[in-house]
Amino acid sequence: MKKIGFLSFGHWTPSPQSRTRSASDALLQSIDLAVAAEELGADGAYFRVHHFARQLGSPFPLLAAVGAKTKRIEIGTAVIDMRYENPLYMVEDAGAADIIAGGRLQLGISRGSPEQVIDGWRYFGYVPPEGMTDADMARHHTEVFLEVLRGNGFAQPNPRPMFPNPPGLLRLEPYSQGLRDRIWWGAATNATAEWAAKHGMNLQSSTLKIDESGRPFHIQQAEQIRKFREAWKAAGQSREPRVSVSRSIFALIDDRDRSYFGSGNENEDTIGYLGGDERAIFGRSYAAEPDALVEQLAKDEAIAEADTLLLTVPNQLGVDYNAHVIGAILKHVAPGLGWR
């Protein structure tokens, strides 16, 4: 068995070709797609977070709304850029959203990716201290976030409070039991995957990573997952970690599928550069008849290593079509791979 969810970037554009033409469309359709995915039997609804973009920027209102509208499906992000975050305020937001969802939040966080603007986190009031990079700042924010999520008191109470306090130092509220174990780190390198393991976070690995060996993407990603698990064991973590990978996978069932994805021109890994000089490898997409997909996906070593698969969805094609995409994988592909 493998958990299967969707990952939406929440793109919107006022183009007549798009079915998602406004921020309102993107947010409300995200909720509707989560509800539809749950009805289809999917396991997760995950959302990408990008600032200064016509995408999903502020995740917690959306996560809370999805949590209130669904009953079973996991709800998460992939990922929140920690350079932009106040970790204490984030603990409160995450705790509230998790309680509304009944403990179903799966929160993916990371250093972030190339942005729409230059040093966008500076506009949010965050500047790395001297001697630190923006990546260092993101990891520091993460460490504070993880510690406060444990629910231990740390703030000295006012001797004359407005309302009575419990005894001892105070923690942030609302506290959500177990959320600390449902934090994931989005890692683009083997080293950051190992760092995540040492800090007791689950691993999210996307459709790209830094090219560290020149080998095919899925092999490099599988190696990253194995290194993560080795580091987890070496750190003496007390629970089993979770690992997700993301893929663009489309079963060609009808003429719409063939029209959108039947050209077969993205079935190879590609190479690009992040930040100007970091060589990155982008994993291939999969689009084929269900039997062919089963054969192709069985050879993907990283999918085999992961317990969770996130299907990246073309959200601007609308809720109905994206529900069809998810349902086609669950019905026509997953059983052939032993995932259902």
Foldseek 3Di string as FASTA:
>chain_A
DFAEAAEEQLAADCDPVFPHHALVSSLVLLLVLLALCVVLPHAAREYEAAPPHRTHHDCLVSLLSSLQVDAGHAYEYQAAAQLQDQLQVVLASVQVSCVSNVNRYQYEYENDFDHPDPPVSVVSVGDDPPPDDSRRVSVVSVVVNLVLLVQDADADDDPDDPDDDDDDHHGDPDHDPPVSQRYEYEAQALVVLLVCLLSNHAYEYEQKHFDDDPDFPLVRLLVSLVSSQVSNVVSVDDDDGAYEYEAAEFACDDPVLCVVPVPPPFQGKDWDAGPPHGIMIGHGHHYYHQVVVLVVVVPRNNVVSGRYYYHYFPCRVGSVVRSVRSSCCVPRHCVSNVND
